[in-house]
Amino acid sequence: MRTYQVNISEEAARQLETIAKEQGVSAEDFVRRVTEEIVNQPKLAFEEVADLVLAKNQELYRRLAT
């Protein structure tokens, strides 16, 4: 398994942790699952994947925007 380090704002990190907790997983597991969903669909065009992620995580993005 490979490890990546990504910097995000403190506010985004707090919101990510809150959403992950609401779903019963750690923030790391949440990010891992979303990433795996994206990379396991390599045959979809970028726009289709982007639309899928945006739709699936609409609530997350709404919370991050506030």
PDB file of N, CA and C in Angstrom:
ATOM      1  N   MET A   1       0.854  -1.172   0.000  1.00  0.00           N
ATOM      2  CA  MET A   1       0.000   0.000   0.000  1.00  0.00           C
ATOM      3  C   MET A   1       0.895   1.229   0.000  1.00  0.00           C
ATOM      4  N   ARG A   2       0.490   2.241  -0.741  1.00  0.00           N
ATOM      5  CA  ARG A   2       1.246   3.482  -0.845  1.00  0.00           C
ATOM      6  C   ARG A   2       0.542   4.568  -0.034  1.00  0.00           C
ATOM      7  N   THR A   3       1.315   5.464   0.529  1.00  0.00           N
ATOM      8  CA  THR A   3       0.778   6.559   1.329  1.00  0.00           C
ATOM      9  C   THR A   3       1.018   7.877   0.613  1.00  0.00           C
ATOM     10  N   TYR A   4      -0.012   8.735   0.601  1.00  0.00           N
ATOM     11  CA  TYR A   4       0.086  10.081   0.056  1.00  0.00           C
ATOM     12  C   TYR A   4      -0.255  11.055   1.163  1.00  0.00           C
ATOM     13  N   GLN A   5       0.370  12.200   1.134  1.00  0.00           N
ATOM     14  CA  GLN A   5       0.076  13.237   2.109  1.00  0.00           C
ATOM     15  C   GLN A   5      -0.493  14.432   1.368  1.00  0.00           C
ATOM     16  N   VAL A   6      -1.651  14.915   1.814  1.00  0.00           N
ATOM     17  CA  VAL A   6      -2.327  16.027   1.160  1.00  0.00           C
ATOM     18  C   VAL A   6      -2.621  17.092   2.199  1.00  0.00           C
ATOM     19  N   ASN A   7      -2.333  18.328   1.875  1.00  0.00           N
ATOM     20  CA  ASN A   7      -2.620  19.435   2.782  1.00  0.00           C
ATOM     21  C   ASN A   7      -3.974  20.033   2.445  1.00  0.00           C
ATOM     22  N   ILE A   8      -4.814  20.190   3.462  1.00  0.00           N
ATOM     23  CA  ILE A   8      -6.108  20.861   3.300  1.00  0.00           C
ATOM     24  C   ILE A   8      -6.247  21.860   4.444  1.00  0.00           C
ATOM     25  N   SER A   9      -7.151  22.792   4.281  1.00  0.00           N
ATOM     26  CA  SER A   9      -7.334  23.816   5.318  1.00  0.00           C
ATOM     27  C   SER A   9      -7.865  23.188   6.599  1.00  0.00           C
ATOM     28  N   GLU A  10      -7.670  23.894   7.705  1.00  0.00           N
ATOM     29  CA  GLU A  10      -8.170  23.410   8.998  1.00  0.00           C
ATOM     30  C   GLU A  10      -9.693  23.255   8.963  1.00  0.00           C
ATOM     31  N   GLU A  11     -10.361  24.211   8.349  1.00  0.00           N
ATOM     32  CA  GLU A  11     -11.828  24.150   8.271  1.00  0.00           C
ATOM     33  C   GLU A  11     -12.275  22.941   7.461  1.00  0.00           C
ATOM     34  N   ALA A  12     -11.635  22.701   6.318  1.00  0.00           N
ATOM     35  CA  ALA A  12     -11.986  21.544   5.495  1.00  0.00           C
ATOM     36  C   ALA A  12     -11.719  20.257   6.262  1.00  0.00           C
ATOM     37  N   ALA A  13     -10.629  20.219   7.015  1.00  0.00           N
ATOM     38  CA  ALA A  13     -10.304  19.022   7.797  1.00  0.00           C
ATOM     39  C   ALA A  13     -11.355  18.769   8.868  1.00  0.00           C
ATOM     40  N   ARG A  14     -11.789  19.823   9.553  1.00  0.00           N
ATOM     41  CA  ARG A  14     -12.842  19.664  10.577  1.00  0.00           C
ATOM     42  C   ARG A  14     -14.131  19.140   9.948  1.00  0.00           C
ATOM     43  N   GLN A  15     -14.499  19.705   8.812  1.00  0.00           N
ATOM     44  CA  GLN A  15     -15.734  19.274   8.163  1.00  0.00           C
ATOM     45  C   GLN A  15     -15.611  17.843   7.643  1.00  0.00           C
ATOM     46  N   LEU A  16     -14.468  17.496   7.092  1.00  0.00           N
ATOM     47  CA  LEU A  16     -14.233  16.133   6.624  1.00  0.00           C
ATOM     48  C   LEU A  16     -14.355  15.148   7.777  1.00  0.00           C
ATOM     49  N   GLU A  17     -13.750  15.468   8.913  1.00  0.00           N
ATOM     50  CA  GLU A  17     -13.818  14.590  10.085  1.00  0.00           C
ATOM     51  C   GLU A  17     -15.248  14.449  10.591  1.00  0.00           C
ATOM     52  N   THR A  18     -15.999  15.538  10.571  1.00  0.00           N
ATOM     53  CA  THR A  18     -17.393  15.492  11.015  1.00  0.00           C
ATOM     54  C   THR A  18     -18.219  14.591  10.106  1.00  0.00           C
ATOM     55  N   ILE A  19     -18.075  14.758   8.814  1.00  0.00           N
ATOM     56  CA  ILE A  19     -18.844  13.954   7.860  1.00  0.00           C
ATOM     57  C   ILE A  19     -18.453  12.485   7.951  1.00  0.00           C
ATOM     58  N   ALA A  20     -17.163  12.227   8.057  1.00  0.00           N
ATOM     59  CA  ALA A  20     -16.706  10.838   8.181  1.00  0.00           C
ATOM     60  C   ALA A  20     -17.273  10.207   9.451  1.00  0.00           C
ATOM     61  N   LYS A  21     -17.255  10.952  10.541  1.00  0.00           N
ATOM     62  CA  LYS A  21     -17.797  10.439  11.804  1.00  0.00           C
ATOM     63  C   LYS A  21     -19.281  10.127  11.670  1.00  0.00           C
ATOM     64  N   GLU A  22     -20.019  11.003  10.991  1.00  0.00           N
ATOM     65  CA  GLU A  22     -21.452  10.770  10.764  1.00  0.00           C
ATOM     66  C   GLU A  22     -21.686   9.481   9.977  1.00  0.00           C
ATOM     67  N   GLN A  23     -20.730   9.123   9.111  1.00  0.00           N
ATOM     68  CA  GLN A  23     -20.847   7.904   8.311  1.00  0.00           C
ATOM     69  C   GLN A  23     -20.223   6.704   9.012  1.00  0.00           C
ATOM     70  N   GLY A  24     -19.675   6.941  10.204  1.00  0.00           N
ATOM     71  CA  GLY A  24     -19.136   5.839  10.991  1.00  0.00           C
ATOM     72  C   GLY A  24     -17.768   5.350  10.557  1.00  0.00           C
ATOM     73  N   VAL A  25     -16.997   6.222   9.902  1.00  0.00           N
ATOM     74  CA  VAL A  25     -15.649   5.843   9.465  1.00  0.00           C
ATOM     75  C   VAL A  25     -14.683   6.960   9.840  1.00  0.00           C
ATOM     76  N   SER A  26     -13.400   6.650   9.808  1.00  0.00           N
ATOM     77  CA  SER A  26     -12.387   7.682  10.042  1.00  0.00           C
ATOM     78  C   SER A  26     -12.281   8.556   8.796  1.00  0.00           C
ATOM     79  N   ALA A  27     -11.701   9.733   8.969  1.00  0.00           N
ATOM     80  CA  ALA A  27     -11.487  10.623   7.825  1.00  0.00           C
ATOM     81  C   ALA A  27     -10.594   9.936   6.791  1.00  0.00           C
ATOM     82  N   GLU A  28      -9.589   9.215   7.263  1.00  0.00           N
ATOM     83  CA  GLU A  28      -8.688   8.508   6.353  1.00  0.00           C
ATOM     84  C   GLU A  28      -9.436   7.453   5.536  1.00  0.00           C
ATOM     85  N   ASP A  29     -10.318   6.698   6.205  1.00  0.00           N
ATOM     86  CA  ASP A  29     -11.101   5.686   5.493  1.00  0.00           C
ATOM     87  C   ASP A  29     -12.046   6.328   4.487  1.00  0.00           C
ATOM     88  N   PHE A  30     -12.641   7.452   4.856  1.00  0.00           N
ATOM     89  CA  PHE A  30     -13.550   8.148   3.950  1.00  0.00           C
ATOM     90  C   PHE A  30     -12.809   8.580   2.686  1.00  0.00           C
ATOM     91  N   VAL A  31     -11.646   9.214   2.856  1.00  0.00           N
ATOM     92  CA  VAL A  31     -10.854   9.660   1.705  1.00  0.00           C
ATOM     93  C   VAL A  31     -10.411   8.461   0.880  1.00  0.00           C
ATOM     94  N   ARG A  32     -10.001   7.385   1.542  1.00  0.00           N
ATOM     95  CA  ARG A  32      -9.559   6.178   0.829  1.00  0.00           C
ATOM     96  C   ARG A  32     -10.702   5.609  -0.009  1.00  0.00           C
ATOM     97  N   ARG A  33     -11.880   5.514   0.561  1.00  0.00           N
ATOM     98  CA  ARG A  33     -13.026   4.942  -0.155  1.00  0.00           C
ATOM     99  C   ARG A  33     -13.409   5.775  -1.370  1.00  0.00           C
ATOM    100  N   VAL A  34     -13.443   7.083  -1.193  1.00  0.00           N
ATOM    101  CA  VAL A  34     -13.798   7.965  -2.318  1.00  0.00           C
ATOM    102  C   VAL A  34     -12.751   7.848  -3.421  1.00  0.00           C
ATOM    103  N   THR A  35     -11.483   7.824  -3.026  1.00  0.00           N
ATOM    104  CA  THR A  35     -10.406   7.688  -4.006  1.00  0.00           C
ATOM    105  C   THR A  35     -10.505   6.366  -4.747  1.00  0.00           C
ATOM    106  N   GLU A  36     -10.747   5.283  -4.025  1.00  0.00           N
ATOM    107  CA  GLU A  36     -10.855   3.974  -4.669  1.00  0.00           C
ATOM    108  C   GLU A  36     -12.034   3.913  -5.624  1.00  0.00           C
ATOM    109  N   GLU A  37     -13.139   4.560  -5.261  1.00  0.00           N
ATOM    110  CA  GLU A  37     -14.283   4.599  -6.170  1.00  0.00           C
ATOM    111  C   GLU A  37     -13.902   5.249  -7.497  1.00  0.00           C
ATOM    112  N   ILE A  38     -13.132   6.305  -7.412  1.00  0.00           N
ATOM    113  CA  ILE A  38     -12.739   7.021  -8.628  1.00  0.00           C
ATOM    114  C   ILE A  38     -11.788   6.182  -9.473  1.00  0.00           C
ATOM    115  N   VAL A  39     -10.744   5.648  -8.851  1.00  0.00           N
ATOM    116  CA  VAL A  39      -9.740   4.935  -9.646  1.00  0.00           C
ATOM    117  C   VAL A  39     -10.210   3.564 -10.112  1.00  0.00           C
ATOM    118  N   ASN A  40     -11.219   3.006  -9.494  1.00  0.00           N
ATOM    119  CA  ASN A  40     -11.735   1.714  -9.929  1.00  0.00           C
ATOM    120  C   ASN A  40     -12.730   1.830 -11.072  1.00  0.00           C
ATOM    121  N   GLN A  41     -12.919   3.022 -11.578  1.00  0.00           N
ATOM    122  CA  GLN A  41     -13.813   3.240 -12.713  1.00  0.00           C
ATOM    123  C   GLN A  41     -13.040   3.882 -13.862  1.00  0.00           C
ATOM    124  N   PRO A  42     -11.921   3.298 -14.271  1.00  0.00           N
ATOM    125  CA  PRO A  42     -11.063   3.954 -15.261  1.00  0.00           C
ATOM    126  C   PRO A  42     -11.667   4.073 -16.651  1.00  0.00           C
ATOM    127  N   LYS A  43     -12.685   3.312 -16.964  1.00  0.00           N
ATOM    128  CA  LYS A  43     -13.244   3.358 -18.316  1.00  0.00           C
ATOM    129  C   LYS A  43     -14.211   4.520 -18.512  1.00  0.00           C
ATOM    130  N   LEU A  44     -14.636   5.125 -17.417  1.00  0.00           N
ATOM    131  CA  LEU A  44     -15.534   6.263 -17.544  1.00  0.00           C
ATOM    132  C   LEU A  44     -14.737   7.497 -17.954  1.00  0.00           C
ATOM    133  N   ALA A  45     -15.355   8.334 -18.741  1.00  0.00           N
ATOM    134  CA  ALA A  45     -14.724   9.587 -19.127  1.00  0.00           C
ATOM    135  C   ALA A  45     -14.598  10.481 -17.901  1.00  0.00           C
ATOM    136  N   PHE A  46     -13.643  11.380 -17.920  1.00  0.00           N
ATOM    137  CA  PHE A  46     -13.411  12.262 -16.782  1.00  0.00           C
ATOM    138  C   PHE A  46     -14.685  12.990 -16.361  1.00  0.00           C
ATOM    139  N   GLU A  47     -15.451  13.495 -17.311  1.00  0.00           N
ATOM    140  CA  GLU A  47     -16.672  14.228 -16.978  1.00  0.00           C
ATOM    141  C   GLU A  47     -17.675  13.341 -16.250  1.00  0.00           C
ATOM    142  N   GLU A  48     -17.777  12.089 -16.652  1.00  0.00           N
ATOM    143  CA  GLU A  48     -18.705  11.169 -15.996  1.00  0.00           C
ATOM    144  C   GLU A  48     -18.270  10.910 -14.556  1.00  0.00           C
ATOM    145  N   VAL A  49     -16.985  10.729 -14.345  1.00  0.00           N
ATOM    146  CA  VAL A  49     -16.477  10.498 -12.993  1.00  0.00           C
ATOM    147  C   VAL A  49     -16.686  11.741 -12.145  1.00  0.00           C
ATOM    148  N   ALA A  50     -16.377  12.897 -12.705  1.00  0.00           N
ATOM    149  CA  ALA A  50     -16.557  14.145 -11.965  1.00  0.00           C
ATOM    150  C   ALA A  50     -18.022  14.325 -11.574  1.00  0.00           C
ATOM    151  N   ASP A  51     -18.933  14.077 -12.510  1.00  0.00           N
ATOM    152  CA  ASP A  51     -20.367  14.178 -12.208  1.00  0.00           C
ATOM    153  C   ASP A  51     -20.769  13.192 -11.121  1.00  0.00           C
ATOM    154  N   LEU A  52     -20.261  11.965 -11.188  1.00  0.00           N
ATOM    155  CA  LEU A  52     -20.574  10.948 -10.190  1.00  0.00           C
ATOM    156  C   LEU A  52     -20.096  11.382  -8.807  1.00  0.00           C
ATOM    157  N   VAL A  53     -18.872  11.845  -8.713  1.00  0.00           N
ATOM    158  CA  VAL A  53     -18.312  12.274  -7.428  1.00  0.00           C
ATOM    159  C   VAL A  53     -19.063  13.486  -6.900  1.00  0.00           C
ATOM    160  N   LEU A  54     -19.333  14.446  -7.775  1.00  0.00           N
ATOM    161  CA  LEU A  54     -20.059  15.634  -7.340  1.00  0.00           C
ATOM    162  C   LEU A  54     -21.450  15.282  -6.821  1.00  0.00           C
ATOM    163  N   ALA A  55     -22.144  14.415  -7.517  1.00  0.00           N
ATOM    164  CA  ALA A  55     -23.485  14.024  -7.098  1.00  0.00           C
ATOM    165  C   ALA A  55     -23.445  13.229  -5.797  1.00  0.00           C
ATOM    166  N   LYS A  56     -22.515  12.291  -5.700  1.00  0.00           N
ATOM    167  CA  LYS A  56     -22.442  11.435  -4.529  1.00  0.00           C
ATOM    168  C   LYS A  56     -22.052  12.204  -3.280  1.00  0.00           C
ATOM    169  N   ASN A  57     -21.214  13.223  -3.442  1.00  0.00           N
ATOM    170  CA  ASN A  57     -20.702  13.961  -2.301  1.00  0.00           C
ATOM    171  C   ASN A  57     -21.265  15.381  -2.220  1.00  0.00           C
ATOM    172  N   GLN A  58     -22.442  15.562  -2.771  1.00  0.00           N
ATOM    173  CA  GLN A  58     -23.056  16.887  -2.816  1.00  0.00           C
ATOM    174  C   GLN A  58     -23.161  17.496  -1.417  1.00  0.00           C
ATOM    175  N   GLU A  59     -23.568  16.720  -0.435  1.00  0.00           N
ATOM    176  CA  GLU A  59     -23.713  17.226   0.924  1.00  0.00           C
ATOM    177  C   GLU A  59     -22.350  17.635   1.494  1.00  0.00           C
ATOM    178  N   LEU A  60     -21.320  16.835   1.255  1.00  0.00           N
ATOM    179  CA  LEU A  60     -19.969  17.166   1.712  1.00  0.00           C
ATOM    180  C   LEU A  60     -19.536  18.500   1.131  1.00  0.00           C
ATOM    181  N   TYR A  61     -19.700  18.692  -0.154  1.00  0.00           N
ATOM    182  CA  TYR A  61     -19.268  19.919  -0.797  1.00  0.00           C
ATOM    183  C   TYR A  61     -20.091  21.107  -0.308  1.00  0.00           C
ATOM    184  N   ARG A  62     -21.365  20.898  -0.038  1.00  0.00           N
ATOM    185  CA  ARG A  62     -22.195  21.988   0.494  1.00  0.00           C
ATOM    186  C   ARG A  62     -21.659  22.426   1.845  1.00  0.00           C
ATOM    187  N   ARG A  63     -21.324  21.457   2.686  1.00  0.00           N
ATOM    188  CA  ARG A  63     -20.803  21.783   4.018  1.00  0.00           C
ATOM    189  C   ARG A  63     -19.435  22.429   3.953  1.00  0.00           C
ATOM    190  N   LEU A  64     -18.594  21.976   3.040  1.00  0.00           N
ATOM    191  CA  LEU A  64     -17.262  22.564   2.906  1.00  0.00           C
ATOM    192  C   LEU A  64     -17.338  23.998   2.400  1.00  0.00           C
ATOM    193  N   ALA A  65     -18.366  24.319   1.644  1.00  0.00           N
ATOM    194  CA  ALA A  65     -18.513  25.649   1.076  1.00  0.00           C
ATOM    195  C   ALA A  65     -19.016  26.670   2.084  1.00  0.00           C
ATOM    196  N   THR A  66     -19.579  26.190   3.187  1.00  0.00           N
ATOM    197  CA  THR A  66     -20.134  27.147   4.164  1.00  0.00           C
ATOM    198  C   THR A  66     -19.159  27.477   5.242  1.00  0.00           C
TER     199      THR A  66
END
